[in-house]
C-alpha atoms as a PDB file:
ATOM      1  CA  MET A   1       9.171 -44.909  51.121  1.00  0.00           C
ATOM      2  CA  SER A   2       7.212 -41.686  50.595  1.00  0.00           C
ATOM      3  CA  HIS A   3       3.579 -41.550  51.626  1.00  0.00           C
ATOM      4  CA  PRO A   4       1.182 -42.518  48.819  1.00  0.00           C
ATOM      5  CA  GLU A   5      -1.409 -40.071  47.518  1.00  0.00           C
ATOM      6  CA  ASN A   6      -4.134 -42.626  48.222  1.00  0.00           C
ATOM      7  CA  ALA A   7      -4.113 -44.727  51.368  1.00  0.00           C
ATOM      8  CA  ILE A   8      -6.064 -47.450  49.562  1.00  0.00           C
ATOM      9  CA  GLU A   9      -6.354 -48.067  45.816  1.00  0.00           C
ATOM     10  CA  ILE A  10      -8.706 -50.691  44.364  1.00  0.00           C
ATOM     11  CA  ARG A  11      -9.087 -51.566  40.689  1.00  0.00           C
ATOM     12  CA  GLY A  12     -11.451 -54.117  39.168  1.00  0.00           C
ATOM     13  CA  LEU A  13     -11.965 -55.953  42.458  1.00  0.00           C
ATOM     14  CA  ARG A  14     -14.168 -59.023  42.212  1.00  0.00           C
ATOM     15  CA  LYS A  15     -15.046 -61.679  44.727  1.00  0.00           C
ATOM     16  CA  LYS A  16     -17.037 -64.728  43.709  1.00  0.00           C
ATOM     17  CA  TYR A  17     -18.228 -67.357  46.173  1.00  0.00           C
ATOM     18  CA  HIS A  18     -18.796 -70.683  44.447  1.00  0.00           C
ATOM     19  CA  GLY A  19     -21.427 -71.878  46.883  1.00  0.00           C
ATOM     20  CA  GLY A  20     -21.963 -75.394  48.118  1.00  0.00           C
ATOM     21  CA  LYS A  21     -23.818 -77.164  50.918  1.00  0.00           C
ATOM     22  CA  GLY A  22     -27.081 -75.481  50.062  1.00  0.00           C
ATOM     23  CA  PHE A  23     -25.593 -72.043  49.259  1.00  0.00           C
ATOM     24  CA  PRO A  24     -25.851 -70.853  45.635  1.00  0.00           C
ATOM     25  CA  PRO A  25     -22.901 -69.210  43.839  1.00  0.00           C
ATOM     26  CA  HIS A  26     -22.701 -65.509  44.628  1.00  0.00           C
ATOM     27  CA  GLU A  27     -20.646 -62.589  43.316  1.00  0.00           C
ATOM     28  CA  ALA A  28     -20.169 -60.319  46.322  1.00  0.00           C
ATOM     29  CA  LEU A  29     -18.028 -57.694  44.543  1.00  0.00           C
ATOM     30  CA  LYS A  30     -18.514 -56.902  40.856  1.00  0.00           C
ATOM     31  CA  GLY A  31     -15.508 -54.956  39.638  1.00  0.00           C
ATOM     32  CA  ILE A  32     -15.004 -52.362  42.367  1.00  0.00           C
ATOM     33  CA  ASP A  33     -12.861 -49.298  41.580  1.00  0.00           C
ATOM     34  CA  LEU A  34     -12.164 -47.148  44.628  1.00  0.00           C
ATOM     35  CA  ASP A  35      -9.562 -44.714  45.961  1.00  0.00           C
ATOM     36  CA  VAL A  36      -9.371 -43.677  49.609  1.00  0.00           C
ATOM     37  CA  PRO A  37      -7.357 -40.416  49.803  1.00  0.00           C
ATOM     38  CA  ARG A  38      -4.564 -40.330  52.372  1.00  0.00           C
ATOM     39  CA  GLY A  39      -5.611 -38.495  55.526  1.00  0.00           C
ATOM     40  CA  SER A  40      -9.322 -38.594  54.729  1.00  0.00           C
ATOM     41  CA  PHE A  41     -12.274 -39.646  56.875  1.00  0.00           C
ATOM     42  CA  PHE A  42     -13.859 -41.965  54.336  1.00  0.00           C
ATOM     43  CA  GLY A  43     -17.325 -43.463  54.669  1.00  0.00           C
ATOM     44  CA  LEU A  44     -18.086 -46.851  53.099  1.00  0.00           C
ATOM     45  CA  LEU A  45     -21.850 -47.296  53.206  1.00  0.00           C
ATOM     46  CA  GLY A  46     -24.362 -49.767  51.857  1.00  0.00           C
ATOM     47  CA  PRO A  47     -27.273 -51.987  52.880  1.00  0.00           C
ATOM     48  CA  ASN A  48     -26.748 -55.389  54.465  1.00  0.00           C
ATOM     49  CA  GLY A  49     -25.246 -57.796  51.973  1.00  0.00           C
ATOM     50  CA  ALA A  50     -23.905 -55.048  49.714  1.00  0.00           C
ATOM     51  CA  GLY A  51     -20.294 -56.305  49.942  1.00  0.00           C
ATOM     52  CA  LYS A  52     -18.791 -53.936  52.529  1.00  0.00           C
ATOM     53  CA  SER A  53     -17.549 -56.644  54.900  1.00  0.00           C
ATOM     54  CA  THR A  54     -16.145 -58.681  52.020  1.00  0.00           C
ATOM     55  CA  LEU A  55     -14.166 -55.653  50.834  1.00  0.00           C
ATOM     56  CA  ILE A  56     -12.857 -54.946  54.330  1.00  0.00           C
ATOM     57  CA  ASN A  57     -11.851 -58.588  54.849  1.00  0.00           C
ATOM     58  CA  ILE A  58      -9.913 -58.510  51.572  1.00  0.00           C
ATOM     59  CA  LEU A  59      -8.078 -55.373  52.733  1.00  0.00           C
ATOM     60  CA  ALA A  60      -7.280 -57.090  56.036  1.00  0.00           C
ATOM     61  CA  GLY A  61      -5.957 -60.223  54.326  1.00  0.00           C
ATOM     62  CA  LEU A  62      -8.736 -62.427  55.714  1.00  0.00           C
ATOM     63  CA  VAL A  63     -10.468 -63.162  52.379  1.00  0.00           C
ATOM     64  CA  ASN A  64      -8.823 -63.903  49.023  1.00  0.00           C
ATOM     65  CA  LYS A  65     -10.025 -61.835  46.101  1.00  0.00           C
ATOM     66  CA  THR A  66     -11.070 -63.437  42.823  1.00  0.00           C
ATOM     67  CA  GLU A  67      -9.805 -60.718  40.480  1.00  0.00           C
ATOM     68  CA  GLY A  68      -8.430 -57.196  40.546  1.00  0.00           C
ATOM     69  CA  GLN A  69      -5.659 -55.188  42.174  1.00  0.00           C
ATOM     70  CA  VAL A  70      -5.604 -53.803  45.710  1.00  0.00           C
ATOM     71  CA  SER A  71      -2.891 -51.717  47.352  1.00  0.00           C
ATOM     72  CA  VAL A  72      -2.806 -50.646  50.987  1.00  0.00           C
ATOM     73  CA  TRP A  73      -0.491 -47.717  51.800  1.00  0.00           C
ATOM     74  CA  GLY A  74       1.276 -48.347  48.495  1.00  0.00           C
ATOM     75  CA  PHE A  75       1.758 -52.079  49.078  1.00  0.00           C
ATOM     76  CA  ASP A  76       0.104 -54.543  46.709  1.00  0.00           C
ATOM     77  CA  ILE A  77      -1.695 -57.135  48.812  1.00  0.00           C
ATOM     78  CA  ASP A  78      -0.404 -59.941  46.546  1.00  0.00           C
ATOM     79  CA  GLU A  79       3.203 -58.793  46.201  1.00  0.00           C
ATOM     80  CA  ALA A  80       3.750 -57.453  49.744  1.00  0.00           C
ATOM     81  CA  PRO A  81       1.008 -58.974  51.939  1.00  0.00           C
ATOM     82  CA  ARG A  82       2.874 -58.530  55.224  1.00  0.00           C
ATOM     83  CA  ASN A  83       3.547 -54.820  54.636  1.00  0.00           C
ATOM     84  CA  ALA A  84      -0.046 -54.313  53.538  1.00  0.00           C
ATOM     85  CA  ARG A  85      -1.426 -55.990  56.679  1.00  0.00           C
ATOM     86  CA  ASN A  86       0.913 -54.000  58.909  1.00  0.00           C
ATOM     87  CA  SER A  87      -0.370 -50.769  57.349  1.00  0.00           C
ATOM     88  CA  ILE A  88      -3.973 -51.293  58.376  1.00  0.00           C
ATOM     89  CA  GLY A  89      -5.851 -51.793  61.621  1.00  0.00           C
ATOM     90  CA  VAL A  90      -9.348 -53.236  61.407  1.00  0.00           C
ATOM     91  CA  VAL A  91     -12.046 -52.949  64.055  1.00  0.00           C
ATOM     92  CA  PRO A  92     -14.394 -55.846  63.204  1.00  0.00           C
ATOM     93  CA  GLN A  93     -18.151 -55.706  63.459  1.00  0.00           C
ATOM     94  CA  GLU A  94     -18.336 -58.885  65.534  1.00  0.00           C
ATOM     95  CA  ILE A  95     -17.133 -58.776  69.139  1.00  0.00           C
ATOM     96  CA  SER A  96     -14.726 -61.691  69.459  1.00  0.00           C
ATOM     97  CA  PHE A  97     -11.730 -62.196  71.768  1.00  0.00           C
ATOM     98  CA  ASP A  98     -10.571 -64.471  74.566  1.00  0.00           C
ATOM     99  CA  ALA A  99     -12.862 -63.770  77.512  1.00  0.00           C
ATOM    100  CA  PHE A 100     -10.151 -64.828  79.993  1.00  0.00           C
ATOM    101  CA  PHE A 101      -7.617 -62.232  78.857  1.00  0.00           C
ATOM    102  CA  THR A 102      -7.545 -58.843  80.520  1.00  0.00           C
ATOM    103  CA  PRO A 103      -7.553 -55.767  78.253  1.00  0.00           C
ATOM    104  CA  ARG A 104      -3.864 -55.208  79.018  1.00  0.00           C
ATOM    105  CA  GLU A 105      -3.014 -58.812  78.139  1.00  0.00           C
ATOM    106  CA  ALA A 106      -5.092 -58.639  74.962  1.00  0.00           C
ATOM    107  CA  LEU A 107      -3.240 -55.550  73.762  1.00  0.00           C
ATOM    108  CA  GLU A 108       0.169 -56.973  74.679  1.00  0.00           C
ATOM    109  CA  LEU A 109      -0.603 -60.169  72.774  1.00  0.00           C
ATOM    110  CA  GLN A 110      -1.846 -58.225  69.743  1.00  0.00           C
ATOM    111  CA  ALA A 111       1.293 -56.070  69.770  1.00  0.00           C
ATOM    112  CA  GLY A 112       3.430 -59.199  69.878  1.00  0.00           C
ATOM    113  CA  LEU A 113       1.582 -60.675  66.886  1.00  0.00           C
ATOM    114  CA  TYR A 114       2.460 -57.551  64.904  1.00  0.00           C
ATOM    115  CA  GLY A 115       6.092 -57.682  66.020  1.00  0.00           C
ATOM    116  CA  VAL A 116       5.972 -54.483  68.072  1.00  0.00           C
ATOM    117  CA  ARG A 117       8.983 -54.412  70.396  1.00  0.00           C
ATOM    118  CA  LYS A 118       8.179 -54.135  74.099  1.00  0.00           C
ATOM    119  CA  ALA A 119      10.003 -50.819  74.319  1.00  0.00           C
ATOM    120  CA  ASP A 120       7.762 -49.418  71.561  1.00  0.00           C
ATOM    121  CA  ARG A 121       4.421 -50.630  72.895  1.00  0.00           C
ATOM    122  CA  ARG A 122       1.818 -48.055  73.969  1.00  0.00           C
ATOM    123  CA  THR A 123      -0.549 -50.326  75.884  1.00  0.00           C
ATOM    124  CA  ASP A 124      -1.327 -47.994  78.796  1.00  0.00           C
ATOM    125  CA  GLU A 125      -1.601 -44.957  76.499  1.00  0.00           C
ATOM    126  CA  ILE A 126      -4.122 -46.732  74.272  1.00  0.00           C
ATOM    127  CA  LEU A 127      -6.124 -48.061  77.223  1.00  0.00           C
ATOM    128  CA  ALA A 128      -6.338 -44.532  78.609  1.00  0.00           C
ATOM    129  CA  ALA A 129      -7.432 -43.136  75.243  1.00  0.00           C
ATOM    130  CA  MET A 130     -10.231 -45.725  75.100  1.00  0.00           C
ATOM    131  CA  HIS A 131     -11.227 -45.006  78.730  1.00  0.00           C
ATOM    132  CA  LEU A 132     -10.328 -48.540  79.781  1.00  0.00           C
ATOM    133  CA  SER A 133      -7.550 -47.831  82.285  1.00  0.00           C
ATOM    134  CA  ASP A 134      -9.710 -48.796  85.275  1.00  0.00           C
ATOM    135  CA  LYS A 135     -10.539 -52.111  83.567  1.00  0.00           C
ATOM    136  CA  ALA A 136      -7.002 -52.879  82.382  1.00  0.00           C
ATOM    137  CA  ASN A 137      -6.649 -55.904  84.644  1.00  0.00           C
ATOM    138  CA  ALA A 138     -10.255 -57.141  84.660  1.00  0.00           C
ATOM    139  CA  TYR A 139     -11.269 -60.222  82.702  1.00  0.00           C
ATOM    140  CA  SER A 140     -12.634 -59.198  79.306  1.00  0.00           C
ATOM    141  CA  ARG A 141     -15.759 -61.285  79.863  1.00  0.00           C
ATOM    142  CA  ALA A 142     -16.714 -58.870  82.665  1.00  0.00           C
ATOM    143  CA  LEU A 143     -16.695 -55.807  80.379  1.00  0.00           C
ATOM    144  CA  SER A 144     -19.907 -54.182  79.199  1.00  0.00           C
ATOM    145  CA  GLY A 145     -20.826 -54.246  75.504  1.00  0.00           C
ATOM    146  CA  GLY A 146     -19.563 -50.713  75.001  1.00  0.00           C
ATOM    147  CA  MET A 147     -16.268 -51.479  76.735  1.00  0.00           C
ATOM    148  CA  LYS A 148     -15.768 -54.569  74.587  1.00  0.00           C
ATOM    149  CA  ARG A 149     -16.351 -52.443  71.501  1.00  0.00           C
ATOM    150  CA  ARG A 150     -13.708 -49.942  72.652  1.00  0.00           C
ATOM    151  CA  LEU A 151     -11.302 -52.805  73.381  1.00  0.00           C
ATOM    152  CA  LEU A 152     -11.605 -53.878  69.748  1.00  0.00           C
ATOM    153  CA  VAL A 153     -10.658 -50.340  68.692  1.00  0.00           C
ATOM    154  CA  ALA A 154      -7.699 -50.436  71.064  1.00  0.00           C
ATOM    155  CA  LYS A 155      -6.478 -53.756  69.604  1.00  0.00           C
ATOM    156  CA  ALA A 156      -6.558 -52.311  66.098  1.00  0.00           C
ATOM    157  CA  MET A 157      -4.299 -49.451  67.188  1.00  0.00           C
ATOM    158  CA  VAL A 158      -1.465 -51.376  68.882  1.00  0.00           C
ATOM    159  CA  HIS A 159       0.858 -51.313  65.843  1.00  0.00           C
ATOM    160  CA  SER A 160       0.149 -47.633  65.024  1.00  0.00           C
ATOM    161  CA  PRO A 161      -1.192 -48.297  61.524  1.00  0.00           C
ATOM    162  CA  PRO A 162      -1.538 -45.351  59.122  1.00  0.00           C
ATOM    163  CA  ILE A 163      -5.000 -46.671  58.134  1.00  0.00           C
ATOM    164  CA  LEU A 164      -7.783 -47.534  60.585  1.00  0.00           C
ATOM    165  CA  VAL A 165     -10.910 -49.321  59.345  1.00  0.00           C
ATOM    166  CA  LEU A 166     -13.940 -49.124  61.628  1.00  0.00           C
ATOM    167  CA  ASP A 167     -16.697 -51.622  60.830  1.00  0.00           C
ATOM    168  CA  GLU A 168     -19.794 -50.504  62.773  1.00  0.00           C
ATOM    169  CA  PRO A 169     -17.647 -49.294  65.710  1.00  0.00           C
ATOM    170  CA  THR A 170     -20.460 -47.671  67.712  1.00  0.00           C
ATOM    171  CA  ALA A 171     -23.000 -50.500  67.569  1.00  0.00           C
ATOM    172  CA  GLY A 172     -24.214 -51.020  71.135  1.00  0.00           C
ATOM    173  CA  VAL A 173     -22.277 -48.021  72.459  1.00  0.00           C
ATOM    174  CA  ASP A 174     -24.206 -45.384  74.405  1.00  0.00           C
ATOM    175  CA  ILE A 175     -24.237 -41.744  73.341  1.00  0.00           C
ATOM    176  CA  GLU A 176     -21.635 -40.501  75.837  1.00  0.00           C
ATOM    177  CA  LEU A 177     -19.125 -43.227  75.016  1.00  0.00           C
ATOM    178  CA  ARG A 178     -19.806 -42.756  71.307  1.00  0.00           C
ATOM    179  CA  GLN A 179     -18.839 -39.094  71.613  1.00  0.00           C
ATOM    180  CA  GLN A 180     -15.669 -40.042  73.499  1.00  0.00           C
ATOM    181  CA  LEU A 181     -14.764 -42.561  70.808  1.00  0.00           C
ATOM    182  CA  TRP A 182     -15.238 -40.050  67.990  1.00  0.00           C
ATOM    183  CA  GLU A 183     -13.219 -37.464  69.873  1.00  0.00           C
ATOM    184  CA  HIS A 184     -10.267 -39.853  69.889  1.00  0.00           C
ATOM    185  CA  ILE A 185     -10.793 -40.931  66.264  1.00  0.00           C
ATOM    186  CA  ARG A 186     -10.815 -37.272  65.186  1.00  0.00           C
ATOM    187  CA  ALA A 187      -7.535 -36.796  67.046  1.00  0.00           C
ATOM    188  CA  LEU A 188      -6.048 -39.742  65.160  1.00  0.00           C
ATOM    189  CA  LYS A 189      -7.165 -38.216  61.861  1.00  0.00           C
ATOM    190  CA  SER A 190      -5.625 -34.879  62.855  1.00  0.00           C
ATOM    191  CA  GLY A 191      -2.397 -36.800  63.389  1.00  0.00           C
ATOM    192  CA  GLY A 192      -2.476 -38.084  59.819  1.00  0.00           C
ATOM    193  CA  VAL A 193      -4.274 -41.434  60.208  1.00  0.00           C
ATOM    194  CA  THR A 194      -6.644 -42.308  57.369  1.00  0.00           C
ATOM    195  CA  ILE A 195     -10.030 -43.447  58.678  1.00  0.00           C
ATOM    196  CA  MET A 196     -12.453 -45.714  56.808  1.00  0.00           C
ATOM    197  CA  LEU A 197     -15.854 -46.054  58.459  1.00  0.00           C
ATOM    198  CA  THR A 198     -18.825 -48.295  57.861  1.00  0.00           C
ATOM    199  CA  THR A 199     -21.934 -47.531  59.881  1.00  0.00           C
ATOM    200  CA  HIS A 200     -25.700 -47.831  59.806  1.00  0.00           C
ATOM    201  CA  TYR A 201     -25.944 -44.528  61.701  1.00  0.00           C
ATOM    202  CA  LEU A 202     -26.137 -42.377  58.577  1.00  0.00           C
ATOM    203  CA  GLU A 203     -26.263 -39.104  60.504  1.00  0.00           C
ATOM    204  CA  GLU A 204     -22.937 -40.154  62.037  1.00  0.00           C
ATOM    205  CA  ALA A 205     -21.371 -40.629  58.596  1.00  0.00           C
ATOM    206  CA  GLU A 206     -22.804 -37.316  57.397  1.00  0.00           C
ATOM    207  CA  GLN A 207     -21.219 -35.452  60.304  1.00  0.00           C
ATOM    208  CA  LEU A 208     -17.849 -37.212  60.321  1.00  0.00           C
ATOM    209  CA  CYS A 209     -16.905 -38.168  56.769  1.00  0.00           C
ATOM    210  CA  ASP A 210     -15.423 -35.798  54.218  1.00  0.00           C
ATOM    211  CA  ARG A 211     -15.948 -38.340  51.439  1.00  0.00           C
ATOM    212  CA  ILE A 212     -18.446 -41.203  51.095  1.00  0.00           C
ATOM    213  CA  ALA A 213     -18.735 -44.204  48.783  1.00  0.00           C
ATOM    214  CA  ILE A 214     -21.984 -46.166  48.640  1.00  0.00           C
ATOM    215  CA  ILE A 215     -21.958 -49.818  47.585  1.00  0.00           C
ATOM    216  CA  ASN A 216     -25.104 -51.626  46.480  1.00  0.00           C
ATOM    217  CA  GLN A 217     -25.260 -55.250  45.339  1.00  0.00           C
ATOM    218  CA  GLY A 218     -21.495 -55.431  44.934  1.00  0.00           C
ATOM    219  CA  GLU A 219     -21.101 -52.242  42.891  1.00  0.00           C
ATOM    220  CA  VAL A 220     -20.088 -48.665  43.717  1.00  0.00           C
ATOM    221  CA  VAL A 221     -23.131 -46.482  43.031  1.00  0.00           C
ATOM    222  CA  ALA A 222     -21.642 -43.244  44.405  1.00  0.00           C
ATOM    223  CA  ASN A 223     -18.214 -41.965  45.424  1.00  0.00           C
ATOM    224  CA  GLU A 224     -18.167 -38.240  46.141  1.00  0.00           C
ATOM    225  CA  THR A 225     -17.444 -35.645  48.754  1.00  0.00           C
ATOM    226  CA  THR A 226     -20.173 -35.573  51.384  1.00  0.00           C
ATOM    227  CA  GLY A 227     -21.276 -32.126  50.252  1.00  0.00           C
ATOM    228  CA  ASP A 228     -21.618 -33.174  46.604  1.00  0.00           C
ATOM    229  CA  LEU A 229     -23.491 -36.317  47.602  1.00  0.00           C
ATOM    230  CA  LEU A 230     -26.033 -34.326  49.588  1.00  0.00           C
ATOM    231  CA  GLN A 231     -26.622 -32.056  46.595  1.00  0.00           C
ATOM    232  CA  ARG A 232     -27.818 -35.011  44.503  1.00  0.00           C
ATOM    233  CA  ILE A 233     -31.361 -34.452  45.761  1.00  0.00           C
ATOM    234  CA  ASP A 234     -32.514 -31.004  44.714  1.00  0.00           C
ATOM    235  CA  GLU A 235     -35.802 -30.774  46.598  1.00  0.00           C
ATOM    236  CA  ARG A 236     -36.221 -28.379  49.512  1.00  0.00           C
ATOM    237  CA  GLU A 237     -39.082 -27.839  51.916  1.00  0.00           C
ATOM    238  CA  LEU A 238     -40.081 -24.589  53.645  1.00  0.00           C
ATOM    239  CA  VAL A 239     -42.432 -24.844  56.608  1.00  0.00           C
ATOM    240  CA  MET A 240     -43.900 -21.493  57.703  1.00  0.00           C
ATOM    241  CA  ARG A 241     -46.142 -20.544  60.586  1.00  0.00           C
ATOM    242  CA  LEU A 242     -48.188 -17.535  59.470  1.00  0.00           C
ATOM    243  CA  ASP A 243     -50.141 -14.866  61.295  1.00  0.00           C
ATOM    244  CA  ARG A 244     -53.475 -16.334  60.128  1.00  0.00           C
ATOM    245  CA  PRO A 245     -54.856 -19.373  58.267  1.00  0.00           C
ATOM    246  CA  VAL A 246     -54.245 -19.612  54.522  1.00  0.00           C
ATOM    247  CA  GLU A 247     -57.577 -19.074  52.796  1.00  0.00           C
ATOM    248  CA  ALA A 248     -56.302 -19.510  49.217  1.00  0.00           C
ATOM    249  CA  THR A 249     -53.037 -20.365  47.517  1.00  0.00           C
ATOM    250  CA  PRO A 250     -51.016 -17.158  47.007  1.00  0.00           C
ATOM    251  CA  ASP A 251     -50.704 -16.268  43.318  1.00  0.00           C
ATOM    252  CA  GLY A 252     -46.925 -16.567  43.370  1.00  0.00           C
ATOM    253  CA  LEU A 253     -47.065 -20.109  44.737  1.00  0.00           C
ATOM    254  CA  ARG A 254     -49.535 -21.679  42.301  1.00  0.00           C
ATOM    255  CA  ASP A 255     -46.742 -23.577  40.532  1.00  0.00           C
ATOM    256  CA  PHE A 256     -45.377 -25.045  43.774  1.00  0.00           C
ATOM    257  CA  PRO A 257     -46.652 -28.147  45.608  1.00  0.00           C
ATOM    258  CA  ILE A 258     -47.982 -26.776  48.905  1.00  0.00           C
ATOM    259  CA  GLU A 259     -49.670 -28.138  52.000  1.00  0.00           C
ATOM    260  CA  THR A 260     -51.759 -26.212  54.498  1.00  0.00           C
ATOM    261  CA  GLU A 261     -52.478 -27.364  58.013  1.00  0.00           C
ATOM    262  CA  ALA A 262     -54.491 -26.163  60.965  1.00  0.00           C
ATOM    263  CA  GLY A 263     -52.591 -23.736  63.117  1.00  0.00           C
ATOM    264  CA  ASN A 264     -51.696 -21.365  60.291  1.00  0.00           C
ATOM    265  CA  ARG A 265     -48.996 -23.685  58.937  1.00  0.00           C
ATOM    266  CA  LEU A 266     -47.953 -23.574  55.269  1.00  0.00           C
ATOM    267  CA  THR A 267     -45.474 -26.006  53.682  1.00  0.00           C
ATOM    268  CA  VAL A 268     -43.942 -25.247  50.279  1.00  0.00           C
ATOM    269  CA  HIS A 269     -41.893 -27.760  48.250  1.00  0.00           C
ATOM    270  CA  TYR A 270     -39.479 -26.342  45.682  1.00  0.00           C
ATOM    271  CA  SER A 271     -36.371 -27.137  43.637  1.00  0.00           C
ATOM    272  CA  ALA A 272     -33.220 -25.372  44.812  1.00  0.00           C
ATOM    273  CA  SER A 273     -31.743 -25.365  41.304  1.00  0.00           C
ATOM    274  CA  LYS A 274     -34.815 -23.628  39.820  1.00  0.00           C
ATOM    275  CA  HIS A 275     -36.048 -21.317  42.573  1.00  0.00           C
ATOM    276  CA  ARG A 276     -34.631 -19.146  45.324  1.00  0.00           C
ATOM    277  CA  VAL A 277     -35.888 -19.009  48.885  1.00  0.00           C
ATOM    278  CA  ASP A 278     -36.656 -15.302  48.560  1.00  0.00           C
ATOM    279  CA  GLU A 279     -39.075 -16.055  45.689  1.00  0.00           C
ATOM    280  CA  VAL A 280     -41.131 -18.246  47.985  1.00  0.00           C
ATOM    281  CA  LEU A 281     -40.989 -15.830  50.900  1.00  0.00           C
ATOM    282  CA  GLY A 282     -41.786 -12.886  48.627  1.00  0.00           C
ATOM    283  CA  ALA A 283     -44.913 -14.607  47.308  1.00  0.00           C
ATOM    284  CA  VAL A 284     -46.133 -15.149  50.864  1.00  0.00           C
ATOM    285  CA  HIS A 285     -45.506 -11.502  51.812  1.00  0.00           C
ATOM    286  CA  ASP A 286     -47.148 -10.252  48.591  1.00  0.00           C
ATOM    287  CA  ALA A 287     -50.277 -12.210  49.531  1.00  0.00           C
ATOM    288  CA  GLY A 288     -50.468 -10.187  52.764  1.00  0.00           C
ATOM    289  CA  TYR A 289     -49.256 -12.790  55.260  1.00  0.00           C
ATOM    290  CA  SER A 290     -46.661 -12.293  57.964  1.00  0.00           C
ATOM    291  CA  ILE A 291     -44.277 -15.150  58.732  1.00  0.00           C
ATOM    292  CA  LEU A 292     -44.021 -15.846  62.458  1.00  0.00           C
ATOM    293  CA  ASP A 293     -41.703 -18.844  62.231  1.00  0.00           C
ATOM    294  CA  LEU A 294     -39.731 -20.574  59.465  1.00  0.00           C
ATOM    295  CA  THR A 295     -38.035 -23.951  59.096  1.00  0.00           C
ATOM    296  CA  MET A 296     -36.187 -25.227  56.034  1.00  0.00           C
ATOM    297  CA  ARG A 297     -35.463 -28.879  55.370  1.00  0.00           C
ATOM    298  CA  GLN A 298     -33.155 -30.232  52.690  1.00  0.00           C
ATOM    299  CA  ALA A 299     -32.143 -33.769  51.781  1.00  0.00           C
ATOM    300  CA  ASP A 300     -29.942 -35.603  54.244  1.00  0.00           C
ATOM    301  CA  LEU A 301     -27.714 -38.625  53.726  1.00  0.00           C
ATOM    302  CA  GLU A 302     -30.567 -41.009  54.494  1.00  0.00           C
ATOM    303  CA  ASP A 303     -32.585 -39.578  51.588  1.00  0.00           C
ATOM    304  CA  VAL A 304     -29.643 -39.968  49.209  1.00  0.00           C
ATOM    305  CA  PHE A 305     -28.862 -43.451  50.521  1.00  0.00           C
ATOM    306  CA  MET A 306     -32.433 -44.640  49.995  1.00  0.00           C
ATOM    307  CA  GLN A 307     -32.555 -43.154  46.503  1.00  0.00           C
ATOM    308  CA  LEU A 308     -29.342 -44.933  45.455  1.00  0.00           C
ATOM    309  CA  THR A 309     -29.941 -48.317  47.106  1.00  0.00           C
ATOM    310  CA  SER A 310     -33.698 -48.918  46.892  1.00  0.00           C
ATOM    311  CA  ARG A 311     -34.534 -51.901  44.743  1.00  0.00           C
ATOM    312  CA  LYS A 312     -36.640 -50.961  41.733  1.00  0.00           C
END
């Protein structure tokens, strides 16, 4: 079978929970259409309760969909569920495994569940990649939170899936170990593995993902390259430290929202689609000021996220 153009294809996906025992009926997914390009580092973002975990659990075969079509690595999850499950490795958000298994035993058991022959298993290689070699034979209950998180990543990799889904993989992981984890994940992507990431660390998604979809209240509200998504907010901000205090608004800046502060600081807000930076700087120079220091700020992923998901 040739490799599909999209690692994951979703059409009209709905999931309705009928409620009961005090829980009202709820539609978690409301007709999701989504493609995850093969070989991409794809971000799936959204506020709590948006439907991200429901979507991931459907991909993993843990939750039954209500309507729609889903294919994983070209396999329809209804027609070829085993092939679909074997094509994906999921790192769950919740830390859950047998505390009395060692990391080596946990990986060997997981490999056996996926039918990986002993001769083909890469247990020690994966433990080394996750910096768990020195804990390979320790009881899992004795691992730190960050080590347990890395063990979950290791378990998802035992059957060498072409798709790896990471659901909040760096929650509770310190900065150094987070960098080590991303170094290995980038290496997997370079080797052709498609990565889907959910995270509340939006700066992490902005740095890592080449494409991002944002889900809000069960619907896709954005699905674009990271660069295009960041361009959705047009506002820019120039903060200048001048050679003397601003006594009056320069003539060329009268149409711009500006702020002046003690310490010779001038802040100018402008639209990147309507004005150029040199217009702003030229107006300051024409007014007789010298710029000693300059900082420019543009919208980041958090700004875009808040704009798209804030409740009206």
